[in-house]
Amino acid sequence: MREGEPRRFELLVAEPALRWGIVPPEVMREQIDRLHGVIGLGNVRPGILPLGVPLDLVPLHTFAMYDDLVCVETFGREHRYTGAESETYTTVFDTLWRSAATGHDARRILVQIADDLG
């Protein structure tokens, strides 16, 4: 990122993560509302990996990328990768994006999940 440029955020979430009962439904509905609200913002690229869509690879665990820093949280510890080590995650991220629902399709999925929460 160059100085003076606005930060860009890419959020790729698997649909099952939005459906798991990790938090109470009212909290999940608020989180879904936040995701719904960022669709269409110029500096945010939200996407959902929908259930039932073939994936080119299986996401084995979650990870977060900050420029060339990748953070992988496991039950035992957090792993950090930079440089060449983080390039694998860039490839994984790009591959998963090819299967992601965005824009109107992402909105439709979010609305359906919120409805299913009751």
PDB file of N, CA and C in Angstrom:
ATOM      1  N   MET A   1       0.843  -1.173   0.000  1.00  0.00           N
ATOM      2  CA  MET A   1       0.000   0.000   0.000  1.00  0.00           C
ATOM      3  C   MET A   1       0.889   1.236   0.000  1.00  0.00           C
ATOM      4  N   ARG A   2       0.568   2.161  -0.838  1.00  0.00           N
ATOM      5  CA  ARG A   2       1.330   3.410  -0.891  1.00  0.00           C
ATOM      6  C   ARG A   2       0.772   4.403   0.105  1.00  0.00           C
ATOM      7  N   GLU A   3       1.649   5.263   0.574  1.00  0.00           N
ATOM      8  CA  GLU A   3       1.234   6.283   1.529  1.00  0.00           C
ATOM      9  C   GLU A   3       0.142   7.150   0.917  1.00  0.00           C
ATOM     10  N   GLY A   4      -0.881   7.420   1.695  1.00  0.00           N
ATOM     11  CA  GLY A   4      -1.999   8.234   1.237  1.00  0.00           C
ATOM     12  C   GLY A   4      -3.124   7.441   0.604  1.00  0.00           C
ATOM     13  N   GLU A   5      -2.870   6.199   0.224  1.00  0.00           N
ATOM     14  CA  GLU A   5      -3.927   5.373  -0.351  1.00  0.00           C
ATOM     15  C   GLU A   5      -4.816   4.831   0.769  1.00  0.00           C
ATOM     16  N   PRO A   6      -6.113   4.733   0.513  1.00  0.00           N
ATOM     17  CA  PRO A   6      -6.988   4.142   1.552  1.00  0.00           C
ATOM     18  C   PRO A   6      -6.694   2.655   1.717  1.00  0.00           C
ATOM     19  N   ARG A   7      -6.854   2.183   2.922  1.00  0.00           N
ATOM     20  CA  ARG A   7      -6.669   0.749   3.185  1.00  0.00           C
ATOM     21  C   ARG A   7      -7.750  -0.046   2.475  1.00  0.00           C
ATOM     22  N   ARG A   8      -7.370  -1.216   1.991  1.00  0.00           N
ATOM     23  CA  ARG A   8      -8.313  -2.138   1.373  1.00  0.00           C
ATOM     24  C   ARG A   8      -8.450  -3.373   2.251  1.00  0.00           C
ATOM     25  N   PHE A   9      -9.661  -3.884   2.332  1.00  0.00           N
ATOM     26  CA  PHE A   9      -9.945  -5.065   3.141  1.00  0.00           C
ATOM     27  C   PHE A   9     -10.658  -6.089   2.280  1.00  0.00           C
ATOM     28  N   GLU A  10     -10.210  -7.327   2.375  1.00  0.00           N
ATOM     29  CA  GLU A  10     -10.872  -8.429   1.694  1.00  0.00           C
ATOM     30  C   GLU A  10     -11.294  -9.431   2.754  1.00  0.00           C
ATOM     31  N   LEU A  11     -12.581  -9.702   2.812  1.00  0.00           N
ATOM     32  CA  LEU A  11     -13.146 -10.601   3.809  1.00  0.00           C
ATOM     33  C   LEU A  11     -13.754 -11.796   3.098  1.00  0.00           C
ATOM     34  N   LEU A  12     -13.174 -12.942   3.287  1.00  0.00           N
ATOM     35  CA  LEU A  12     -13.686 -14.160   2.680  1.00  0.00           C
ATOM     36  C   LEU A  12     -14.095 -15.099   3.805  1.00  0.00           C
ATOM     37  N   VAL A  13     -15.387 -15.415   3.866  1.00  0.00           N
ATOM     38  CA  VAL A  13     -15.942 -16.209   4.958  1.00  0.00           C
ATOM     39  C   VAL A  13     -16.660 -17.420   4.375  1.00  0.00           C
ATOM     40  N   ALA A  14     -16.422 -18.575   4.953  1.00  0.00           N
ATOM     41  CA  ALA A  14     -17.140 -19.780   4.545  1.00  0.00           C
ATOM     42  C   ALA A  14     -18.541 -19.758   5.156  1.00  0.00           C
ATOM     43  N   GLU A  15     -19.545 -20.085   4.362  1.00  0.00           N
ATOM     44  CA  GLU A  15     -20.930 -20.074   4.847  1.00  0.00           C
ATOM     45  C   GLU A  15     -21.127 -20.895   6.123  1.00  0.00           C
ATOM     46  N   PRO A  16     -20.510 -22.080   6.252  1.00  0.00           N
ATOM     47  CA  PRO A  16     -20.702 -22.824   7.499  1.00  0.00           C
ATOM     48  C   PRO A  16     -20.291 -22.033   8.739  1.00  0.00           C
ATOM     49  N   ALA A  17     -19.267 -21.212   8.626  1.00  0.00           N
ATOM     50  CA  ALA A  17     -18.839 -20.412   9.781  1.00  0.00           C
ATOM     51  C   ALA A  17     -19.926 -19.437  10.218  1.00  0.00           C
ATOM     52  N   LEU A  18     -20.757 -19.010   9.275  1.00  0.00           N
ATOM     53  CA  LEU A  18     -21.853 -18.099   9.600  1.00  0.00           C
ATOM     54  C   LEU A  18     -23.054 -18.842  10.167  1.00  0.00           C
ATOM     55  N   ARG A  19     -23.086 -20.142   9.983  1.00  0.00           N
ATOM     56  CA  ARG A  19     -24.217 -20.949  10.438  1.00  0.00           C
ATOM     57  C   ARG A  19     -23.946 -21.692  11.747  1.00  0.00           C
ATOM     58  N   TRP A  20     -22.692 -21.877  12.102  1.00  0.00           N
ATOM     59  CA  TRP A  20     -22.381 -22.578  13.347  1.00  0.00           C
ATOM     60  C   TRP A  20     -22.905 -21.776  14.525  1.00  0.00           C
ATOM     61  N   GLY A  21     -23.379 -22.447  15.544  1.00  0.00           N
ATOM     62  CA  GLY A  21     -23.936 -21.773  16.714  1.00  0.00           C
ATOM     63  C   GLY A  21     -22.878 -21.383  17.736  1.00  0.00           C
ATOM     64  N   ILE A  22     -21.862 -20.691  17.302  1.00  0.00           N
ATOM     65  CA  ILE A  22     -20.770 -20.299  18.198  1.00  0.00           C
ATOM     66  C   ILE A  22     -21.198 -19.182  19.144  1.00  0.00           C
ATOM     67  N   VAL A  23     -22.070 -18.316  18.651  1.00  0.00           N
ATOM     68  CA  VAL A  23     -22.600 -17.217  19.467  1.00  0.00           C
ATOM     69  C   VAL A  23     -24.126 -17.281  19.390  1.00  0.00           C
ATOM     70  N   PRO A  24     -24.824 -16.623  20.299  1.00  0.00           N
ATOM     71  CA  PRO A  24     -26.290 -16.619  20.247  1.00  0.00           C
ATOM     72  C   PRO A  24     -26.791 -16.032  18.921  1.00  0.00           C
ATOM     73  N   PRO A  25     -27.976 -16.467  18.469  1.00  0.00           N
ATOM     74  CA  PRO A  25     -28.512 -16.000  17.182  1.00  0.00           C
ATOM     75  C   PRO A  25     -28.562 -14.481  17.042  1.00  0.00           C
ATOM     76  N   GLU A  26     -28.914 -13.776  18.124  1.00  0.00           N
ATOM     77  CA  GLU A  26     -29.011 -12.314  18.005  1.00  0.00           C
ATOM     78  C   GLU A  26     -27.644 -11.683  17.727  1.00  0.00           C
ATOM     79  N   VAL A  27     -26.588 -12.263  18.275  1.00  0.00           N
ATOM     80  CA  VAL A  27     -25.233 -11.768  18.013  1.00  0.00           C
ATOM     81  C   VAL A  27     -24.841 -12.088  16.564  1.00  0.00           C
ATOM     82  N   MET A  28     -25.178 -13.282  16.114  1.00  0.00           N
ATOM     83  CA  MET A  28     -24.852 -13.673  14.744  1.00  0.00           C
ATOM     84  C   MET A  28     -25.600 -12.809  13.751  1.00  0.00           C
ATOM     85  N   ARG A  29     -26.862 -12.486  14.045  1.00  0.00           N
ATOM     86  CA  ARG A  29     -27.622 -11.607  13.150  1.00  0.00           C
ATOM     87  C   ARG A  29     -26.952 -10.240  13.039  1.00  0.00           C
ATOM     88  N   GLU A  30     -26.419  -9.725  14.144  1.00  0.00           N
ATOM     89  CA  GLU A  30     -25.693  -8.444  14.105  1.00  0.00           C
ATOM     90  C   GLU A  30     -24.441  -8.553  13.246  1.00  0.00           C
ATOM     91  N   GLN A  31     -23.715  -9.659  13.368  1.00  0.00           N
ATOM     92  CA  GLN A  31     -22.510  -9.848  12.562  1.00  0.00           C
ATOM     93  C   GLN A  31     -22.873  -9.948  11.078  1.00  0.00           C
ATOM     94  N   ILE A  32     -23.936 -10.660  10.779  1.00  0.00           N
ATOM     95  CA  ILE A  32     -24.388 -10.780   9.393  1.00  0.00           C
ATOM     96  C   ILE A  32     -24.800  -9.416   8.856  1.00  0.00           C
ATOM     97  N   ASP A  33     -25.458  -8.614   9.698  1.00  0.00           N
ATOM     98  CA  ASP A  33     -25.848  -7.262   9.300  1.00  0.00           C
ATOM     99  C   ASP A  33     -24.612  -6.425   8.957  1.00  0.00           C
ATOM    100  N   ARG A  34     -23.541  -6.575   9.734  1.00  0.00           N
ATOM    101  CA  ARG A  34     -22.287  -5.830   9.461  1.00  0.00           C
ATOM    102  C   ARG A  34     -21.693  -6.263   8.117  1.00  0.00           C
ATOM    103  N   LEU A  35     -21.684  -7.577   7.874  1.00  0.00           N
ATOM    104  CA  LEU A  35     -21.178  -8.069   6.589  1.00  0.00           C
ATOM    105  C   LEU A  35     -22.038  -7.545   5.437  1.00  0.00           C
ATOM    106  N   HIS A  36     -23.336  -7.581   5.634  1.00  0.00           N
ATOM    107  CA  HIS A  36     -24.262  -7.084   4.614  1.00  0.00           C
ATOM    108  C   HIS A  36     -23.978  -5.608   4.326  1.00  0.00           C
ATOM    109  N   GLY A  37     -23.671  -4.855   5.372  1.00  0.00           N
ATOM    110  CA  GLY A  37     -23.451  -3.414   5.239  1.00  0.00           C
ATOM    111  C   GLY A  37     -22.188  -3.027   4.492  1.00  0.00           C
ATOM    112  N   VAL A  38     -21.190  -3.914   4.432  1.00  0.00           N
ATOM    113  CA  VAL A  38     -19.949  -3.551   3.744  1.00  0.00           C
ATOM    114  C   VAL A  38     -19.972  -3.912   2.255  1.00  0.00           C
ATOM    115  N   ILE A  39     -20.992  -4.672   1.841  1.00  0.00           N
ATOM    116  CA  ILE A  39     -21.096  -4.989   0.419  1.00  0.00           C
ATOM    117  C   ILE A  39     -21.336  -3.690  -0.347  1.00  0.00           C
ATOM    118  N   GLY A  40     -20.501  -3.444  -1.317  1.00  0.00           N
ATOM    119  CA  GLY A  40     -20.632  -2.234  -2.128  1.00  0.00           C
ATOM    120  C   GLY A  40     -19.716  -1.097  -1.707  1.00  0.00           C
ATOM    121  N   LEU A  41     -19.075  -1.206  -0.537  1.00  0.00           N
ATOM    122  CA  LEU A  41     -18.109  -0.182  -0.152  1.00  0.00           C
ATOM    123  C   LEU A  41     -16.889  -0.299  -1.059  1.00  0.00           C
ATOM    124  N   GLY A  42     -16.324   0.816  -1.448  1.00  0.00           N
ATOM    125  CA  GLY A  42     -15.232   0.816  -2.401  1.00  0.00           C
ATOM    126  C   GLY A  42     -13.944   0.180  -1.911  1.00  0.00           C
ATOM    127  N   ASN A  43     -13.697   0.225  -0.612  1.00  0.00           N
ATOM    128  CA  ASN A  43     -12.431  -0.302  -0.101  1.00  0.00           C
ATOM    129  C   ASN A  43     -12.572  -1.657   0.590  1.00  0.00           C
ATOM    130  N   VAL A  44     -13.753  -2.271   0.489  1.00  0.00           N
ATOM    131  CA  VAL A  44     -13.987  -3.565   1.128  1.00  0.00           C
ATOM    132  C   VAL A  44     -14.498  -4.539   0.072  1.00  0.00           C
ATOM    133  N   ARG A  45     -13.878  -5.713   0.035  1.00  0.00           N
ATOM    134  CA  ARG A  45     -14.296  -6.774  -0.881  1.00  0.00           C
ATOM    135  C   ARG A  45     -14.773  -7.960  -0.042  1.00  0.00           C
ATOM    136  N   PRO A  46     -16.078  -8.063   0.211  1.00  0.00           N
ATOM    137  CA  PRO A  46     -16.585  -9.203   0.972  1.00  0.00           C
ATOM    138  C   PRO A  46     -16.983 -10.345   0.046  1.00  0.00           C
ATOM    139  N   GLY A  47     -16.745 -11.559   0.502  1.00  0.00           N
ATOM    140  CA  GLY A  47     -17.143 -12.740  -0.249  1.00  0.00           C
ATOM    141  C   GLY A  47     -17.515 -13.861   0.682  1.00  0.00           C
ATOM    142  N   ILE A  48     -18.365 -14.750   0.196  1.00  0.00           N
ATOM    143  CA  ILE A  48     -18.805 -15.901   0.983  1.00  0.00           C
ATOM    144  C   ILE A  48     -18.551 -17.151   0.155  1.00  0.00           C
ATOM    145  N   LEU A  49     -17.961 -18.156   0.777  1.00  0.00           N
ATOM    146  CA  LEU A  49     -17.816 -19.468   0.139  1.00  0.00           C
ATOM    147  C   LEU A  49     -19.093 -20.238   0.438  1.00  0.00           C
ATOM    148  N   PRO A  50     -20.010 -20.307  -0.537  1.00  0.00           N
ATOM    149  CA  PRO A  50     -21.312 -20.906  -0.273  1.00  0.00           C
ATOM    150  C   PRO A  50     -21.259 -22.425  -0.147  1.00  0.00           C
ATOM    151  N   LEU A  51     -22.181 -22.949   0.640  1.00  0.00           N
ATOM    152  CA  LEU A  51     -22.365 -24.394   0.701  1.00  0.00           C
ATOM    153  C   LEU A  51     -22.806 -24.898  -0.668  1.00  0.00           C
ATOM    154  N   GLY A  52     -22.362 -26.077  -1.034  1.00  0.00           N
ATOM    155  CA  GLY A  52     -22.814 -26.693  -2.266  1.00  0.00           C
ATOM    156  C   GLY A  52     -22.077 -26.265  -3.519  1.00  0.00           C
ATOM    157  N   VAL A  53     -21.120 -25.359  -3.399  1.00  0.00           N
ATOM    158  CA  VAL A  53     -20.343 -24.928  -4.560  1.00  0.00           C
ATOM    159  C   VAL A  53     -19.021 -25.684  -4.562  1.00  0.00           C
ATOM    160  N   PRO A  54     -18.659 -26.287  -5.686  1.00  0.00           N
ATOM    161  CA  PRO A  54     -17.380 -27.006  -5.727  1.00  0.00           C
ATOM    162  C   PRO A  54     -16.206 -26.054  -5.484  1.00  0.00           C
ATOM    163  N   LEU A  55     -15.260 -26.517  -4.685  1.00  0.00           N
ATOM    164  CA  LEU A  55     -14.061 -25.737  -4.391  1.00  0.00           C
ATOM    165  C   LEU A  55     -12.864 -26.390  -5.063  1.00  0.00           C
ATOM    166  N   ASP A  56     -11.927 -25.574  -5.508  1.00  0.00           N
ATOM    167  CA  ASP A  56     -10.712 -26.102  -6.124  1.00  0.00           C
ATOM    168  C   ASP A  56      -9.729 -26.642  -5.089  1.00  0.00           C
ATOM    169  N   LEU A  57      -9.928 -26.289  -3.836  1.00  0.00           N
ATOM    170  CA  LEU A  57      -9.144 -26.842  -2.732  1.00  0.00           C
ATOM    171  C   LEU A  57      -9.953 -26.763  -1.456  1.00  0.00           C
ATOM    172  N   VAL A  58      -9.588 -27.579  -0.496  1.00  0.00           N
ATOM    173  CA  VAL A  58     -10.302 -27.622   0.776  1.00  0.00           C
ATOM    174  C   VAL A  58      -9.628 -26.672   1.758  1.00  0.00           C
ATOM    175  N   PRO A  59     -10.378 -25.699   2.305  1.00  0.00           N
ATOM    176  CA  PRO A  59      -9.778 -24.827   3.321  1.00  0.00           C
ATOM    177  C   PRO A  59      -9.606 -25.614   4.622  1.00  0.00           C
ATOM    178  N   LEU A  60      -8.374 -25.930   4.958  1.00  0.00           N
ATOM    179  CA  LEU A  60      -8.097 -26.781   6.122  1.00  0.00           C
ATOM    180  C   LEU A  60      -8.172 -26.033   7.446  1.00  0.00           C
ATOM    181  N   HIS A  61      -7.956 -24.732   7.414  1.00  0.00           N
ATOM    182  CA  HIS A  61      -8.006 -23.930   8.627  1.00  0.00           C
ATOM    183  C   HIS A  61      -8.157 -22.468   8.235  1.00  0.00           C
ATOM    184  N   THR A  62      -8.467 -21.651   9.210  1.00  0.00           N
ATOM    185  CA  THR A  62      -8.604 -20.224   8.934  1.00  0.00           C
ATOM    186  C   THR A  62      -7.241 -19.560   8.983  1.00  0.00           C
ATOM    187  N   PHE A  63      -7.169 -18.408   8.356  1.00  0.00           N
ATOM    188  CA  PHE A  63      -5.957 -17.601   8.410  1.00  0.00           C
ATOM    189  C   PHE A  63      -6.317 -16.160   8.104  1.00  0.00           C
ATOM    190  N   ALA A  64      -5.478 -15.262   8.535  1.00  0.00           N
ATOM    191  CA  ALA A  64      -5.649 -13.837   8.256  1.00  0.00           C
ATOM    192  C   ALA A  64      -4.384 -13.336   7.584  1.00  0.00           C
ATOM    193  N   MET A  65      -4.556 -12.475   6.590  1.00  0.00           N
ATOM    194  CA  MET A  65      -3.420 -11.911   5.870  1.00  0.00           C
ATOM    195  C   MET A  65      -3.407 -10.405   6.081  1.00  0.00           C
ATOM    196  N   TYR A  66      -2.244  -9.896   6.404  1.00  0.00           N
ATOM    197  CA  TYR A  66      -2.023  -8.461   6.557  1.00  0.00           C
ATOM    198  C   TYR A  66      -0.819  -8.126   5.681  1.00  0.00           C
ATOM    199  N   ASP A  67      -1.078  -7.613   4.475  1.00  0.00           N
ATOM    200  CA  ASP A  67      -0.026  -7.396   3.483  1.00  0.00           C
ATOM    201  C   ASP A  67       0.703  -8.723   3.275  1.00  0.00           C
ATOM    202  N   ASP A  68       1.993  -8.833   3.645  1.00  0.00           N
ATOM    203  CA  ASP A  68       2.672 -10.117   3.426  1.00  0.00           C
ATOM    204  C   ASP A  68       2.826 -10.924   4.715  1.00  0.00           C
ATOM    205  N   LEU A  69       2.107 -10.543   5.774  1.00  0.00           N
ATOM    206  CA  LEU A  69       2.112 -11.303   7.024  1.00  0.00           C
ATOM    207  C   LEU A  69       0.866 -12.178   7.071  1.00  0.00           C
ATOM    208  N   VAL A  70       1.065 -13.464   7.311  1.00  0.00           N
ATOM    209  CA  VAL A  70      -0.048 -14.402   7.440  1.00  0.00           C
ATOM    210  C   VAL A  70      -0.057 -14.921   8.869  1.00  0.00           C
ATOM    211  N   CYS A  71      -1.218 -14.875   9.516  1.00  0.00           N
ATOM    212  CA  CYS A  71      -1.378 -15.390  10.879  1.00  0.00           C
ATOM    213  C   CYS A  71      -2.332 -16.584  10.836  1.00  0.00           C
ATOM    214  N   VAL A  72      -1.864 -17.694  11.379  1.00  0.00           N
ATOM    215  CA  VAL A  72      -2.648 -18.921  11.430  1.00  0.00           C
ATOM    216  C   VAL A  72      -2.800 -19.300  12.896  1.00  0.00           C
ATOM    217  N   GLU A  73      -4.030 -19.312  13.373  1.00  0.00           N
ATOM    218  CA  GLU A  73      -4.274 -19.689  14.757  1.00  0.00           C
ATOM    219  C   GLU A  73      -4.649 -21.159  14.829  1.00  0.00           C
ATOM    220  N   THR A  74      -3.958 -21.881  15.705  1.00  0.00           N
ATOM    221  CA  THR A  74      -4.290 -23.271  15.978  1.00  0.00           C
ATOM    222  C   THR A  74      -4.676 -23.361  17.445  1.00  0.00           C
ATOM    223  N   PHE A  75      -5.070 -24.543  17.895  1.00  0.00           N
ATOM    224  CA  PHE A  75      -5.420 -24.694  19.304  1.00  0.00           C
ATOM    225  C   PHE A  75      -4.206 -24.479  20.193  1.00  0.00           C
ATOM    226  N   GLY A  76      -3.030 -24.768  19.685  1.00  0.00           N
ATOM    227  CA  GLY A  76      -1.830 -24.668  20.497  1.00  0.00           C
ATOM    228  C   GLY A  76      -1.133 -23.322  20.492  1.00  0.00           C
ATOM    229  N   ARG A  77      -1.186 -22.617  19.348  1.00  0.00           N
ATOM    230  CA  ARG A  77      -0.482 -21.344  19.259  1.00  0.00           C
ATOM    231  C   ARG A  77      -0.821 -20.627  17.969  1.00  0.00           C
ATOM    232  N   GLU A  78      -0.300 -19.424  17.843  1.00  0.00           N
ATOM    233  CA  GLU A  78      -0.434 -18.668  16.610  1.00  0.00           C
ATOM    234  C   GLU A  78       0.866 -18.794  15.821  1.00  0.00           C
ATOM    235  N   HIS A  79       0.731 -19.080  14.538  1.00  0.00           N
ATOM    236  CA  HIS A  79       1.886 -19.177  13.652  1.00  0.00           C
ATOM    237  C   HIS A  79       1.877 -17.949  12.751  1.00  0.00           C
ATOM    238  N   ARG A  80       3.055 -17.387  12.511  1.00  0.00           N
ATOM    239  CA  ARG A  80       3.174 -16.219  11.632  1.00  0.00           C
ATOM    240  C   ARG A  80       4.144 -16.536  10.505  1.00  0.00           C
ATOM    241  N   TYR A  81       3.726 -16.148   9.299  1.00  0.00           N
ATOM    242  CA  TYR A  81       4.558 -16.398   8.125  1.00  0.00           C
ATOM    243  C   TYR A  81       4.708 -15.102   7.332  1.00  0.00           C
ATOM    244  N   THR A  82       5.895 -14.872   6.807  1.00  0.00           N
ATOM    245  CA  THR A  82       6.146 -13.711   5.963  1.00  0.00           C
ATOM    246  C   THR A  82       6.933 -14.146   4.731  1.00  0.00           C
ATOM    247  N   GLY A  83       7.070 -13.216   3.810  1.00  0.00           N
ATOM    248  CA  GLY A  83       7.888 -13.470   2.624  1.00  0.00           C
ATOM    249  C   GLY A  83       7.428 -14.683   1.847  1.00  0.00           C
ATOM    250  N   ALA A  84       8.396 -15.518   1.471  1.00  0.00           N
ATOM    251  CA  ALA A  84       8.106 -16.692   0.642  1.00  0.00           C
ATOM    252  C   ALA A  84       7.128 -17.638   1.325  1.00  0.00           C
ATOM    253  N   GLU A  85       7.209 -17.748   2.663  1.00  0.00           N
ATOM    254  CA  GLU A  85       6.292 -18.643   3.382  1.00  0.00           C
ATOM    255  C   GLU A  85       4.842 -18.196   3.245  1.00  0.00           C
ATOM    256  N   SER A  86       4.621 -16.899   3.141  1.00  0.00           N
ATOM    257  CA  SER A  86       3.241 -16.406   3.057  1.00  0.00           C
ATOM    258  C   SER A  86       2.674 -16.521   1.649  1.00  0.00           C
ATOM    259  N   GLU A  87       3.518 -16.745   0.647  1.00  0.00           N
ATOM    260  CA  GLU A  87       3.045 -16.834  -0.736  1.00  0.00           C
ATOM    261  C   GLU A  87       2.081 -18.000  -0.943  1.00  0.00           C
ATOM    262  N   THR A  88       2.279 -19.090  -0.219  1.00  0.00           N
ATOM    263  CA  THR A  88       1.354 -20.220  -0.317  1.00  0.00           C
ATOM    264  C   THR A  88      -0.053 -19.774   0.050  1.00  0.00           C
ATOM    265  N   TYR A  89      -0.174 -18.967   1.095  1.00  0.00           N
ATOM    266  CA  TYR A  89      -1.489 -18.497   1.529  1.00  0.00           C
ATOM    267  C   TYR A  89      -2.089 -17.515   0.534  1.00  0.00           C
ATOM    268  N   THR A  90      -1.271 -16.740  -0.128  1.00  0.00           N
ATOM    269  CA  THR A  90      -1.774 -15.849  -1.180  1.00  0.00           C
ATOM    270  C   THR A  90      -2.393 -16.676  -2.295  1.00  0.00           C
ATOM    271  N   THR A  91      -1.743 -17.760  -2.674  1.00  0.00           N
ATOM    272  CA  THR A  91      -2.273 -18.653  -3.712  1.00  0.00           C
ATOM    273  C   THR A  91      -3.578 -19.296  -3.252  1.00  0.00           C
ATOM    274  N   VAL A  92      -3.614 -19.772  -2.009  1.00  0.00           N
ATOM    275  CA  VAL A  92      -4.836 -20.375  -1.462  1.00  0.00           C
ATOM    276  C   VAL A  92      -5.968 -19.350  -1.469  1.00  0.00           C
ATOM    277  N   PHE A  93      -5.684 -18.162  -1.010  1.00  0.00           N
ATOM    278  CA  PHE A  93      -6.688 -17.101  -0.938  1.00  0.00           C
ATOM    279  C   PHE A  93      -7.244 -16.801  -2.329  1.00  0.00           C
ATOM    280  N   ASP A  94      -6.374 -16.630  -3.299  1.00  0.00           N
ATOM    281  CA  ASP A  94      -6.808 -16.353  -4.671  1.00  0.00           C
ATOM    282  C   ASP A  94      -7.631 -17.505  -5.236  1.00  0.00           C
ATOM    283  N   THR A  95      -7.231 -18.732  -4.941  1.00  0.00           N
ATOM    284  CA  THR A  95      -7.970 -19.905  -5.418  1.00  0.00           C
ATOM    285  C   THR A  95      -9.365 -19.952  -4.807  1.00  0.00           C
ATOM    286  N   LEU A  96      -9.475 -19.710  -3.513  1.00  0.00           N
ATOM    287  CA  LEU A  96     -10.782 -19.731  -2.857  1.00  0.00           C
ATOM    288  C   LEU A  96     -11.691 -18.619  -3.376  1.00  0.00           C
ATOM    289  N   TRP A  97     -11.127 -17.458  -3.686  1.00  0.00           N
ATOM    290  CA  TRP A  97     -11.945 -16.352  -4.192  1.00  0.00           C
ATOM    291  C   TRP A  97     -12.666 -16.722  -5.478  1.00  0.00           C
ATOM    292  N   ARG A  98     -12.093 -17.611  -6.272  1.00  0.00           N
ATOM    293  CA  ARG A  98     -12.742 -18.006  -7.528  1.00  0.00           C
ATOM    294  C   ARG A  98     -14.089 -18.683  -7.277  1.00  0.00           C
ATOM    295  N   SER A  99     -14.291 -19.255  -6.091  1.00  0.00           N
ATOM    296  CA  SER A  99     -15.554 -19.928  -5.754  1.00  0.00           C
ATOM    297  C   SER A  99     -16.477 -19.051  -4.915  1.00  0.00           C
ATOM    298  N   ALA A 100     -16.071 -17.848  -4.607  1.00  0.00           N
ATOM    299  CA  ALA A 100     -16.821 -16.995  -3.682  1.00  0.00           C
ATOM    300  C   ALA A 100     -18.027 -16.331  -4.341  1.00  0.00           C
ATOM    301  N   ALA A 101     -19.069 -16.191  -3.536  1.00  0.00           N
ATOM    302  CA  ALA A 101     -20.225 -15.385  -3.927  1.00  0.00           C
ATOM    303  C   ALA A 101     -19.948 -13.961  -3.477  1.00  0.00           C
ATOM    304  N   THR A 102     -20.216 -12.998  -4.343  1.00  0.00           N
ATOM    305  CA  THR A 102     -19.995 -11.595  -4.017  1.00  0.00           C
ATOM    306  C   THR A 102     -21.238 -10.797  -4.414  1.00  0.00           C
ATOM    307  N   GLY A 103     -21.251  -9.529  -4.074  1.00  0.00           N
ATOM    308  CA  GLY A 103     -22.332  -8.637  -4.483  1.00  0.00           C
ATOM    309  C   GLY A 103     -23.709  -9.174  -4.142  1.00  0.00           C
ATOM    310  N   HIS A 104     -24.597  -9.162  -5.142  1.00  0.00           N
ATOM    311  CA  HIS A 104     -25.988  -9.589  -4.929  1.00  0.00           C
ATOM    312  C   HIS A 104     -26.073 -11.025  -4.417  1.00  0.00           C
ATOM    313  N   ASP A 105     -25.221 -11.908  -4.944  1.00  0.00           N
ATOM    314  CA  ASP A 105     -25.246 -13.312  -4.509  1.00  0.00           C
ATOM    315  C   ASP A 105     -24.872 -13.432  -3.032  1.00  0.00           C
ATOM    316  N   ALA A 106     -23.897 -12.659  -2.589  1.00  0.00           N
ATOM    317  CA  ALA A 106     -23.510 -12.673  -1.174  1.00  0.00           C
ATOM    318  C   ALA A 106     -24.640 -12.123  -0.309  1.00  0.00           C
ATOM    319  N   ARG A 107     -25.280 -11.057  -0.767  1.00  0.00           N
ATOM    320  CA  ARG A 107     -26.422 -10.493  -0.025  1.00  0.00           C
ATOM    321  C   ARG A 107     -27.522 -11.546   0.155  1.00  0.00           C
ATOM    322  N   ARG A 108     -27.820 -12.257  -0.917  1.00  0.00           N
ATOM    323  CA  ARG A 108     -28.875 -13.278  -0.870  1.00  0.00           C
ATOM    324  C   ARG A 108     -28.549 -14.349   0.172  1.00  0.00           C
ATOM    325  N   ILE A 109     -27.301 -14.782   0.205  1.00  0.00           N
ATOM    326  CA  ILE A 109     -26.883 -15.801   1.179  1.00  0.00           C
ATOM    327  C   ILE A 109     -26.997 -15.255   2.594  1.00  0.00           C
ATOM    328  N   LEU A 110     -26.566 -14.025   2.812  1.00  0.00           N
ATOM    329  CA  LEU A 110     -26.629 -13.430   4.154  1.00  0.00           C
ATOM    330  C   LEU A 110     -28.080 -13.293   4.627  1.00  0.00           C
ATOM    331  N   VAL A 111     -28.951 -12.871   3.738  1.00  0.00           N
ATOM    332  CA  VAL A 111     -30.368 -12.739   4.098  1.00  0.00           C
ATOM    333  C   VAL A 111     -30.944 -14.100   4.456  1.00  0.00           C
ATOM    334  N   GLN A 112     -30.598 -15.132   3.683  1.00  0.00           N
ATOM    335  CA  GLN A 112     -31.103 -16.483   3.955  1.00  0.00           C
ATOM    336  C   GLN A 112     -30.610 -16.986   5.316  1.00  0.00           C
ATOM    337  N   ILE A 113     -29.341 -16.755   5.620  1.00  0.00           N
ATOM    338  CA  ILE A 113     -28.797 -17.186   6.907  1.00  0.00           C
ATOM    339  C   ILE A 113     -29.504 -16.471   8.051  1.00  0.00           C
ATOM    340  N   ALA A 114     -29.684 -15.162   7.912  1.00  0.00           N
ATOM    341  CA  ALA A 114     -30.377 -14.387   8.958  1.00  0.00           C
ATOM    342  C   ALA A 114     -31.797 -14.892   9.150  1.00  0.00           C
ATOM    343  N   ASP A 115     -32.487 -15.196   8.051  1.00  0.00           N
ATOM    344  CA  ASP A 115     -33.849 -15.755   8.144  1.00  0.00           C
ATOM    345  C   ASP A 115     -33.846 -17.103   8.838  1.00  0.00           C
ATOM    346  N   ASP A 116     -32.854 -17.926   8.514  1.00  0.00           N
ATOM    347  CA  ASP A 116     -32.762 -19.262   9.123  1.00  0.00           C
ATOM    348  C   ASP A 116     -32.495 -19.186  10.616  1.00  0.00           C
ATOM    349  N   LEU A 117     -31.864 -18.096  11.066  1.00  0.00           N
ATOM    350  CA  LEU A 117     -31.603 -17.939  12.502  1.00  0.00           C
ATOM    351  C   LEU A 117     -32.872 -17.669  13.292  1.00  0.00           C
ATOM    352  N   GLY A 118     -33.924 -17.248  12.585  1.00  0.00           N
ATOM    353  CA  GLY A 118     -35.195 -16.993  13.249  1.00  0.00           C
ATOM    354  C   GLY A 118     -35.305 -15.623  13.835  1.00  0.00           C
TER     355      GLY A 118
END
